[in-house]
């Protein structure tokens, strides 16, 4: 660790900046008051399967949203840290497309808080995979950055290449729910050389955004088919209808 005097000098020359607006803040990887107020963190009663906030509290014994009641999810439980809007959306897009990889560290802290009540012991953390062609173009997998940072936050093991995309799929942006599921059908598998790591073991799948759940469904099914224990899903942000 550098001497305190050197740290002070560096902080004077390069003061910590807000992740959202770039303004000066008190500590690294933080948000200013204005940007913090523009974040929509998820709290209160949420759907136990997808993490979306529930109006009116829902069924406290086993709360589920209408979408998850209509189409049961293959995973055990799911959570998300924030809603995909306002400053939350800006940070997700900056992490995903803007090469703002430093956002993964505070994001993982928020995600760890969101999942702490359902976090299974000895679980293996794994990111939703990118196809190698998209990874080559983007240079990094934002979900892998989040998974690695979440591992550091929780102390749980992680496996960056537990899963593979077997074919290049088009962007899901703009596609309807049924189209999303069709595009991803059998497009993801467990890496044959990593299968031993998940046998009968809980798995936490990490993604940046939860929209329809098509990607997480395909990824969960791949884990279950390979012999995993119960699967849990965790996203940085959840797309939700305005109420």
C-alpha atoms as a PDB file:
ATOM      1  CA  UNK A   1       0.000   0.000   0.000  1.00  0.00           C
ATOM      2  CA  UNK A   2       1.451   3.439  -0.886  1.00  0.00           C
ATOM      3  CA  UNK A   3       2.298   5.843   1.951  1.00  0.00           C
ATOM      4  CA  UNK A   4      -0.576   7.992   3.195  1.00  0.00           C
ATOM      5  CA  UNK A   5       1.139  11.164   2.046  1.00  0.00           C
ATOM      6  CA  UNK A   6       1.401   9.813  -1.488  1.00  0.00           C
ATOM      7  CA  UNK A   7      -2.248   8.762  -1.412  1.00  0.00           C
ATOM      8  CA  UNK A   8      -3.235  12.265  -0.335  1.00  0.00           C
ATOM      9  CA  UNK A   9      -1.188  13.834  -3.117  1.00  0.00           C
ATOM     10  CA  UNK A  10      -2.728  11.549  -5.709  1.00  0.00           C
ATOM     11  CA  UNK A  11      -6.233  12.296  -4.440  1.00  0.00           C
ATOM     12  CA  UNK A  12      -5.565  16.013  -4.737  1.00  0.00           C
ATOM     13  CA  UNK A  13      -4.392  15.642  -8.329  1.00  0.00           C
ATOM     14  CA  UNK A  14      -6.966  12.996  -9.275  1.00  0.00           C
ATOM     15  CA  UNK A  15      -9.932  13.418  -6.888  1.00  0.00           C
ATOM     16  CA  UNK A  16     -12.543  10.637  -6.769  1.00  0.00           C
ATOM     17  CA  UNK A  17     -15.252  11.141  -9.375  1.00  0.00           C
ATOM     18  CA  UNK A  18     -18.932  10.241  -9.359  1.00  0.00           C
ATOM     19  CA  UNK A  19     -19.624   7.156 -11.456  1.00  0.00           C
ATOM     20  CA  UNK A  20     -22.685   8.825 -12.898  1.00  0.00           C
ATOM     21  CA  UNK A  21     -21.902  12.459 -13.683  1.00  0.00           C
ATOM     22  CA  UNK A  22     -18.150  12.710 -13.114  1.00  0.00           C
ATOM     23  CA  UNK A  23     -18.437  15.238 -10.300  1.00  0.00           C
ATOM     24  CA  UNK A  24     -16.079  15.148  -7.329  1.00  0.00           C
ATOM     25  CA  UNK A  25     -17.129  12.788  -4.526  1.00  0.00           C
ATOM     26  CA  UNK A  26     -15.656  11.698  -1.204  1.00  0.00           C
ATOM     27  CA  UNK A  27     -14.480   8.198  -2.192  1.00  0.00           C
ATOM     28  CA  UNK A  28     -13.657   6.125  -5.243  1.00  0.00           C
ATOM     29  CA  UNK A  29     -16.439   4.119  -6.910  1.00  0.00           C
ATOM     30  CA  UNK A  30     -19.141   6.333  -5.420  1.00  0.00           C
ATOM     31  CA  UNK A  31     -22.087   8.432  -6.535  1.00  0.00           C
ATOM     32  CA  UNK A  32     -22.860  12.048  -5.762  1.00  0.00           C
ATOM     33  CA  UNK A  33     -26.081  12.884  -3.932  1.00  0.00           C
ATOM     34  CA  UNK A  34     -27.950  13.816  -7.104  1.00  0.00           C
ATOM     35  CA  UNK A  35     -27.006  10.644  -8.972  1.00  0.00           C
ATOM     36  CA  UNK A  36     -27.702   8.506  -5.919  1.00  0.00           C
ATOM     37  CA  UNK A  37     -31.236   9.906  -5.707  1.00  0.00           C
ATOM     38  CA  UNK A  38     -31.686   9.044  -9.388  1.00  0.00           C
ATOM     39  CA  UNK A  39     -30.975   5.354  -8.700  1.00  0.00           C
ATOM     40  CA  UNK A  40     -33.994   3.070  -8.322  1.00  0.00           C
ATOM     41  CA  UNK A  41     -32.770   0.380  -5.941  1.00  0.00           C
ATOM     42  CA  UNK A  42     -35.149  -2.538  -5.486  1.00  0.00           C
ATOM     43  CA  UNK A  43     -36.420  -3.105  -1.964  1.00  0.00           C
ATOM     44  CA  UNK A  44     -39.480  -4.260  -0.086  1.00  0.00           C
ATOM     45  CA  UNK A  45     -41.534  -7.187  -1.320  1.00  0.00           C
ATOM     46  CA  UNK A  46     -40.282  -8.580  -4.624  1.00  0.00           C
ATOM     47  CA  UNK A  47     -41.187 -11.500  -6.851  1.00  0.00           C
ATOM     48  CA  UNK A  48     -39.286 -14.469  -5.489  1.00  0.00           C
ATOM     49  CA  UNK A  49     -38.553 -15.698  -9.001  1.00  0.00           C
ATOM     50  CA  UNK A  50     -37.528 -12.613 -10.964  1.00  0.00           C
ATOM     51  CA  UNK A  51     -36.914  -9.912  -8.357  1.00  0.00           C
ATOM     52  CA  UNK A  52     -39.371  -7.351  -9.720  1.00  0.00           C
ATOM     53  CA  UNK A  53     -41.029  -5.161  -7.029  1.00  0.00           C
ATOM     54  CA  UNK A  54     -44.583  -6.225  -6.152  1.00  0.00           C
ATOM     55  CA  UNK A  55     -47.320  -3.656  -5.544  1.00  0.00           C
ATOM     56  CA  UNK A  56     -49.253  -4.025  -2.341  1.00  0.00           C
ATOM     57  CA  UNK A  57     -46.932  -6.601  -0.825  1.00  0.00           C
ATOM     58  CA  UNK A  58     -48.220  -9.628  -2.757  1.00  0.00           C
ATOM     59  CA  UNK A  59     -48.513 -13.058  -1.142  1.00  0.00           C
ATOM     60  CA  UNK A  60     -45.936 -12.823   1.642  1.00  0.00           C
ATOM     61  CA  UNK A  61     -45.623 -16.623   1.894  1.00  0.00           C
ATOM     62  CA  UNK A  62     -44.429 -16.993  -1.693  1.00  0.00           C
ATOM     63  CA  UNK A  63     -44.632 -13.721  -3.617  1.00  0.00           C
ATOM     64  CA  UNK A  64     -44.635 -14.002  -7.390  1.00  0.00           C
ATOM     65  CA  UNK A  65     -45.475 -11.560 -10.144  1.00  0.00           C
ATOM     66  CA  UNK A  66     -48.135 -12.317 -12.750  1.00  0.00           C
ATOM     67  CA  UNK A  67     -45.542 -13.191 -15.408  1.00  0.00           C
ATOM     68  CA  UNK A  68     -43.824 -15.774 -13.203  1.00  0.00           C
ATOM     69  CA  UNK A  69     -47.184 -17.254 -12.130  1.00  0.00           C
ATOM     70  CA  UNK A  70     -48.190 -17.587 -15.785  1.00  0.00           C
ATOM     71  CA  UNK A  71     -44.822 -19.008 -16.874  1.00  0.00           C
ATOM     72  CA  UNK A  72     -42.942 -20.680 -14.007  1.00  0.00           C
ATOM     73  CA  UNK A  73     -39.175 -20.188 -14.115  1.00  0.00           C
ATOM     74  CA  UNK A  74     -36.739 -23.133 -14.161  1.00  0.00           C
ATOM     75  CA  UNK A  75     -34.521 -21.598 -11.471  1.00  0.00           C
ATOM     76  CA  UNK A  76     -35.185 -21.661  -7.724  1.00  0.00           C
ATOM     77  CA  UNK A  77     -35.109 -17.934  -6.891  1.00  0.00           C
ATOM     78  CA  UNK A  78     -34.039 -14.694  -8.519  1.00  0.00           C
ATOM     79  CA  UNK A  79     -33.101 -11.175  -7.506  1.00  0.00           C
ATOM     80  CA  UNK A  80     -31.969  -7.863  -9.033  1.00  0.00           C
ATOM     81  CA  UNK A  81     -30.303  -4.874  -7.433  1.00  0.00           C
ATOM     82  CA  UNK A  82     -32.003  -1.992  -9.217  1.00  0.00           C
ATOM     83  CA  UNK A  83     -34.561  -1.058 -11.832  1.00  0.00           C
ATOM     84  CA  UNK A  84     -33.380  -0.514 -15.377  1.00  0.00           C
ATOM     85  CA  UNK A  85     -34.194   3.164 -15.651  1.00  0.00           C
ATOM     86  CA  UNK A  86     -32.774   6.625 -15.008  1.00  0.00           C
ATOM     87  CA  UNK A  87     -29.245   6.525 -13.538  1.00  0.00           C
ATOM     88  CA  UNK A  88     -29.358   2.739 -13.211  1.00  0.00           C
ATOM     89  CA  UNK A  89     -29.885   2.369 -16.941  1.00  0.00           C
ATOM     90  CA  UNK A  90     -27.101   4.858 -17.645  1.00  0.00           C
ATOM     91  CA  UNK A  91     -24.619   2.897 -15.523  1.00  0.00           C
ATOM     92  CA  UNK A  92     -25.596  -0.463 -17.054  1.00  0.00           C
ATOM     93  CA  UNK A  93     -25.113   0.887 -20.579  1.00  0.00           C
ATOM     94  CA  UNK A  94     -21.798   2.488 -19.582  1.00  0.00           C
ATOM     95  CA  UNK A  95     -20.586  -0.858 -18.216  1.00  0.00           C
ATOM     96  CA  UNK A  96     -21.890  -2.816 -21.192  1.00  0.00           C
ATOM     97  CA  UNK A  97     -20.979  -0.563 -24.110  1.00  0.00           C
ATOM     98  CA  UNK A  98     -18.862   2.262 -22.733  1.00  0.00           C
ATOM     99  CA  UNK A  99     -15.859   0.313 -21.418  1.00  0.00           C
ATOM    100  CA  UNK A 100     -16.604   1.583 -17.911  1.00  0.00           C
ATOM    101  CA  UNK A 101     -15.367  -1.592 -16.275  1.00  0.00           C
ATOM    102  CA  UNK A 102     -14.837   0.123 -12.919  1.00  0.00           C
ATOM    103  CA  UNK A 103     -18.625   0.159 -12.467  1.00  0.00           C
ATOM    104  CA  UNK A 104     -18.579  -3.604 -11.834  1.00  0.00           C
ATOM    105  CA  UNK A 105     -17.078  -3.182  -8.370  1.00  0.00           C
ATOM    106  CA  UNK A 106     -19.821  -1.054  -6.741  1.00  0.00           C
ATOM    107  CA  UNK A 107     -22.456  -2.853  -8.823  1.00  0.00           C
ATOM    108  CA  UNK A 108     -21.416  -6.182  -7.312  1.00  0.00           C
ATOM    109  CA  UNK A 109     -21.752  -4.670  -3.851  1.00  0.00           C
ATOM    110  CA  UNK A 110     -25.353  -3.688  -4.616  1.00  0.00           C
ATOM    111  CA  UNK A 111     -26.017  -7.140  -6.084  1.00  0.00           C
ATOM    112  CA  UNK A 112     -24.588  -8.879  -3.022  1.00  0.00           C
ATOM    113  CA  UNK A 113     -26.988  -6.908  -0.833  1.00  0.00           C
ATOM    114  CA  UNK A 114     -29.918  -7.860  -3.059  1.00  0.00           C
ATOM    115  CA  UNK A 115     -29.174 -11.595  -2.925  1.00  0.00           C
ATOM    116  CA  UNK A 116     -27.886 -11.940   0.645  1.00  0.00           C
ATOM    117  CA  UNK A 117     -31.120 -13.395   2.060  1.00  0.00           C
ATOM    118  CA  UNK A 118     -31.224 -16.277  -0.433  1.00  0.00           C
ATOM    119  CA  UNK A 119     -27.504 -16.812  -0.989  1.00  0.00           C
ATOM    120  CA  UNK A 120     -26.827 -20.572  -0.875  1.00  0.00           C
ATOM    121  CA  UNK A 121     -23.689 -21.891   0.811  1.00  0.00           C
ATOM    122  CA  UNK A 122     -20.937 -23.344  -1.384  1.00  0.00           C
ATOM    123  CA  UNK A 123     -22.626 -21.976  -4.493  1.00  0.00           C
ATOM    124  CA  UNK A 124     -20.666 -21.524  -7.695  1.00  0.00           C
ATOM    125  CA  UNK A 125     -20.992 -18.126  -9.362  1.00  0.00           C
ATOM    126  CA  UNK A 126     -21.051 -18.095 -13.166  1.00  0.00           C
ATOM    127  CA  UNK A 127     -21.698 -15.354 -15.723  1.00  0.00           C
ATOM    128  CA  UNK A 128     -24.110 -15.573 -18.629  1.00  0.00           C
ATOM    129  CA  UNK A 129     -21.759 -16.217 -21.574  1.00  0.00           C
ATOM    130  CA  UNK A 130     -21.118 -14.231 -24.728  1.00  0.00           C
ATOM    131  CA  UNK A 131     -20.418 -15.913 -28.052  1.00  0.00           C
ATOM    132  CA  UNK A 132     -16.707 -15.685 -28.873  1.00  0.00           C
ATOM    133  CA  UNK A 133     -17.369 -13.446 -31.877  1.00  0.00           C
ATOM    134  CA  UNK A 134     -19.204 -10.897 -29.734  1.00  0.00           C
ATOM    135  CA  UNK A 135     -16.580 -11.204 -27.020  1.00  0.00           C
ATOM    136  CA  UNK A 136     -13.874 -10.507 -29.583  1.00  0.00           C
ATOM    137  CA  UNK A 137     -15.705  -7.376 -30.715  1.00  0.00           C
ATOM    138  CA  UNK A 138     -16.550  -6.069 -27.223  1.00  0.00           C
ATOM    139  CA  UNK A 139     -13.258  -7.271 -25.625  1.00  0.00           C
ATOM    140  CA  UNK A 140     -14.912  -8.211 -22.333  1.00  0.00           C
ATOM    141  CA  UNK A 141     -18.039  -9.828 -20.950  1.00  0.00           C
ATOM    142  CA  UNK A 142     -19.753  -7.393 -18.600  1.00  0.00           C
ATOM    143  CA  UNK A 143     -21.528 -10.274 -16.835  1.00  0.00           C
ATOM    144  CA  UNK A 144     -18.150 -11.897 -16.152  1.00  0.00           C
ATOM    145  CA  UNK A 145     -16.881  -8.651 -14.624  1.00  0.00           C
ATOM    146  CA  UNK A 146     -19.917  -8.603 -12.332  1.00  0.00           C
ATOM    147  CA  UNK A 147     -19.503 -12.290 -11.452  1.00  0.00           C
ATOM    148  CA  UNK A 148     -15.841 -11.834 -10.554  1.00  0.00           C
ATOM    149  CA  UNK A 149     -16.594  -8.803  -8.384  1.00  0.00           C
ATOM    150  CA  UNK A 150     -19.497 -10.648  -6.742  1.00  0.00           C
ATOM    151  CA  UNK A 151     -17.146 -13.507  -5.906  1.00  0.00           C
ATOM    152  CA  UNK A 152     -14.841 -11.032  -4.171  1.00  0.00           C
ATOM    153  CA  UNK A 153     -17.798  -9.569  -2.257  1.00  0.00           C
ATOM    154  CA  UNK A 154     -19.241 -12.891  -1.088  1.00  0.00           C
ATOM    155  CA  UNK A 155     -16.207 -15.145  -0.857  1.00  0.00           C
ATOM    156  CA  UNK A 156     -17.890 -17.714  -3.106  1.00  0.00           C
ATOM    157  CA  UNK A 157     -16.018 -19.372  -5.961  1.00  0.00           C
ATOM    158  CA  UNK A 158     -16.669 -18.367  -9.540  1.00  0.00           C
ATOM    159  CA  UNK A 159     -16.018 -19.930 -12.928  1.00  0.00           C
ATOM    160  CA  UNK A 160     -15.722 -17.468 -15.847  1.00  0.00           C
ATOM    161  CA  UNK A 161     -16.160 -20.097 -18.572  1.00  0.00           C
ATOM    162  CA  UNK A 162     -18.585 -22.500 -16.955  1.00  0.00           C
ATOM    163  CA  UNK A 163     -21.014 -21.856 -19.824  1.00  0.00           C
ATOM    164  CA  UNK A 164     -20.637 -21.460 -23.570  1.00  0.00           C
ATOM    165  CA  UNK A 165     -22.778 -20.056 -26.362  1.00  0.00           C
ATOM    166  CA  UNK A 166     -22.747 -22.715 -29.034  1.00  0.00           C
ATOM    167  CA  UNK A 167     -23.838 -20.345 -31.779  1.00  0.00           C
ATOM    168  CA  UNK A 168     -23.876 -16.635 -32.436  1.00  0.00           C
ATOM    169  CA  UNK A 169     -27.359 -15.283 -31.768  1.00  0.00           C
ATOM    170  CA  UNK A 170     -28.695 -11.907 -32.916  1.00  0.00           C
ATOM    171  CA  UNK A 171     -29.251  -9.100 -30.454  1.00  0.00           C
ATOM    172  CA  UNK A 172     -32.426  -9.552 -28.428  1.00  0.00           C
ATOM    173  CA  UNK A 173     -33.144  -5.814 -28.394  1.00  0.00           C
ATOM    174  CA  UNK A 174     -36.519  -5.121 -29.925  1.00  0.00           C
ATOM    175  CA  UNK A 175     -37.626  -8.765 -29.945  1.00  0.00           C
ATOM    176  CA  UNK A 176     -40.791  -9.946 -28.257  1.00  0.00           C
ATOM    177  CA  UNK A 177     -40.875 -12.500 -25.471  1.00  0.00           C
ATOM    178  CA  UNK A 178     -41.592 -15.513 -27.693  1.00  0.00           C
ATOM    179  CA  UNK A 179     -38.970 -14.452 -30.240  1.00  0.00           C
ATOM    180  CA  UNK A 180     -36.350 -14.109 -27.490  1.00  0.00           C
ATOM    181  CA  UNK A 181     -36.983 -17.650 -26.254  1.00  0.00           C
ATOM    182  CA  UNK A 182     -36.903 -19.046 -29.793  1.00  0.00           C
ATOM    183  CA  UNK A 183     -33.586 -17.352 -30.603  1.00  0.00           C
ATOM    184  CA  UNK A 184     -31.903 -18.797 -27.510  1.00  0.00           C
ATOM    185  CA  UNK A 185     -33.282 -22.322 -27.728  1.00  0.00           C
ATOM    186  CA  UNK A 186     -30.339 -24.730 -27.219  1.00  0.00           C
ATOM    187  CA  UNK A 187     -27.853 -21.892 -27.798  1.00  0.00           C
ATOM    188  CA  UNK A 188     -26.087 -22.320 -24.440  1.00  0.00           C
ATOM    189  CA  UNK A 189     -24.353 -25.303 -22.872  1.00  0.00           C
ATOM    190  CA  UNK A 190     -22.057 -26.114 -19.963  1.00  0.00           C
ATOM    191  CA  UNK A 191     -18.398 -26.264 -20.961  1.00  0.00           C
ATOM    192  CA  UNK A 192     -17.530 -30.003 -21.117  1.00  0.00           C
ATOM    193  CA  UNK A 193     -14.292 -29.428 -19.180  1.00  0.00           C
ATOM    194  CA  UNK A 194     -16.054 -27.456 -16.433  1.00  0.00           C
ATOM    195  CA  UNK A 195     -19.033 -29.721 -15.839  1.00  0.00           C
ATOM    196  CA  UNK A 196     -17.437 -31.366 -12.809  1.00  0.00           C
ATOM    197  CA  UNK A 197     -17.529 -28.035 -10.973  1.00  0.00           C
ATOM    198  CA  UNK A 198     -21.327 -27.849 -10.850  1.00  0.00           C
ATOM    199  CA  UNK A 199     -22.385 -31.448 -10.255  1.00  0.00           C
ATOM    200  CA  UNK A 200     -25.025 -31.376  -7.476  1.00  0.00           C
ATOM    201  CA  UNK A 201     -23.853 -27.868  -6.536  1.00  0.00           C
ATOM    202  CA  UNK A 202     -25.931 -24.673  -6.278  1.00  0.00           C
ATOM    203  CA  UNK A 203     -25.194 -22.217  -9.070  1.00  0.00           C
ATOM    204  CA  UNK A 204     -25.683 -18.450  -9.103  1.00  0.00           C
ATOM    205  CA  UNK A 205     -26.067 -17.133 -12.645  1.00  0.00           C
ATOM    206  CA  UNK A 206     -25.095 -13.493 -13.077  1.00  0.00           C
ATOM    207  CA  UNK A 207     -26.291 -11.141 -15.813  1.00  0.00           C
ATOM    208  CA  UNK A 208     -26.344  -7.394 -16.285  1.00  0.00           C
ATOM    209  CA  UNK A 209     -30.029  -6.972 -17.227  1.00  0.00           C
ATOM    210  CA  UNK A 210     -33.084  -9.170 -16.669  1.00  0.00           C
ATOM    211  CA  UNK A 211     -35.719  -8.449 -19.327  1.00  0.00           C
ATOM    212  CA  UNK A 212     -37.916 -11.393 -20.369  1.00  0.00           C
ATOM    213  CA  UNK A 213     -35.757 -14.024 -18.687  1.00  0.00           C
ATOM    214  CA  UNK A 214     -35.092 -15.848 -21.969  1.00  0.00           C
ATOM    215  CA  UNK A 215     -31.315 -15.793 -21.603  1.00  0.00           C
ATOM    216  CA  UNK A 216     -31.436 -16.853 -17.969  1.00  0.00           C
ATOM    217  CA  UNK A 217     -33.907 -19.609 -18.806  1.00  0.00           C
ATOM    218  CA  UNK A 218     -31.610 -21.067 -21.457  1.00  0.00           C
ATOM    219  CA  UNK A 219     -28.612 -20.758 -19.149  1.00  0.00           C
ATOM    220  CA  UNK A 220     -30.431 -22.299 -16.195  1.00  0.00           C
ATOM    221  CA  UNK A 221     -31.633 -25.222 -18.283  1.00  0.00           C
ATOM    222  CA  UNK A 222     -28.089 -25.868 -19.458  1.00  0.00           C
ATOM    223  CA  UNK A 223     -26.920 -26.084 -15.832  1.00  0.00           C
ATOM    224  CA  UNK A 224     -29.773 -28.370 -14.791  1.00  0.00           C
ATOM    225  CA  UNK A 225     -29.238 -30.640 -17.805  1.00  0.00           C
ATOM    226  CA  UNK A 226     -25.557 -30.914 -16.844  1.00  0.00           C
ATOM    227  CA  UNK A 227     -26.437 -32.079 -13.326  1.00  0.00           C
ATOM    228  CA  UNK A 228     -26.221 -28.943 -11.213  1.00  0.00           C
ATOM    229  CA  UNK A 229     -27.957 -28.362  -7.924  1.00  0.00           C
ATOM    230  CA  UNK A 230     -30.593 -25.626  -7.621  1.00  0.00           C
ATOM    231  CA  UNK A 231     -29.948 -22.569  -9.779  1.00  0.00           C
ATOM    232  CA  UNK A 232     -30.357 -18.989  -8.587  1.00  0.00           C
ATOM    233  CA  UNK A 233     -30.279 -15.945 -10.852  1.00  0.00           C
ATOM    234  CA  UNK A 234     -29.011 -12.470 -10.074  1.00  0.00           C
ATOM    235  CA  UNK A 235     -29.059  -9.403 -12.299  1.00  0.00           C
ATOM    236  CA  UNK A 236     -27.705  -5.935 -11.789  1.00  0.00           C
ATOM    237  CA  UNK A 237     -30.884  -4.383 -13.226  1.00  0.00           C
ATOM    238  CA  UNK A 238     -34.456  -5.529 -13.803  1.00  0.00           C
ATOM    239  CA  UNK A 239     -36.611  -4.191 -16.610  1.00  0.00           C
ATOM    240  CA  UNK A 240     -40.073  -3.523 -15.198  1.00  0.00           C
ATOM    241  CA  UNK A 241     -43.244  -1.925 -16.481  1.00  0.00           C
ATOM    242  CA  UNK A 242     -43.967   1.537 -15.150  1.00  0.00           C
ATOM    243  CA  UNK A 243     -46.785   1.501 -12.597  1.00  0.00           C
END
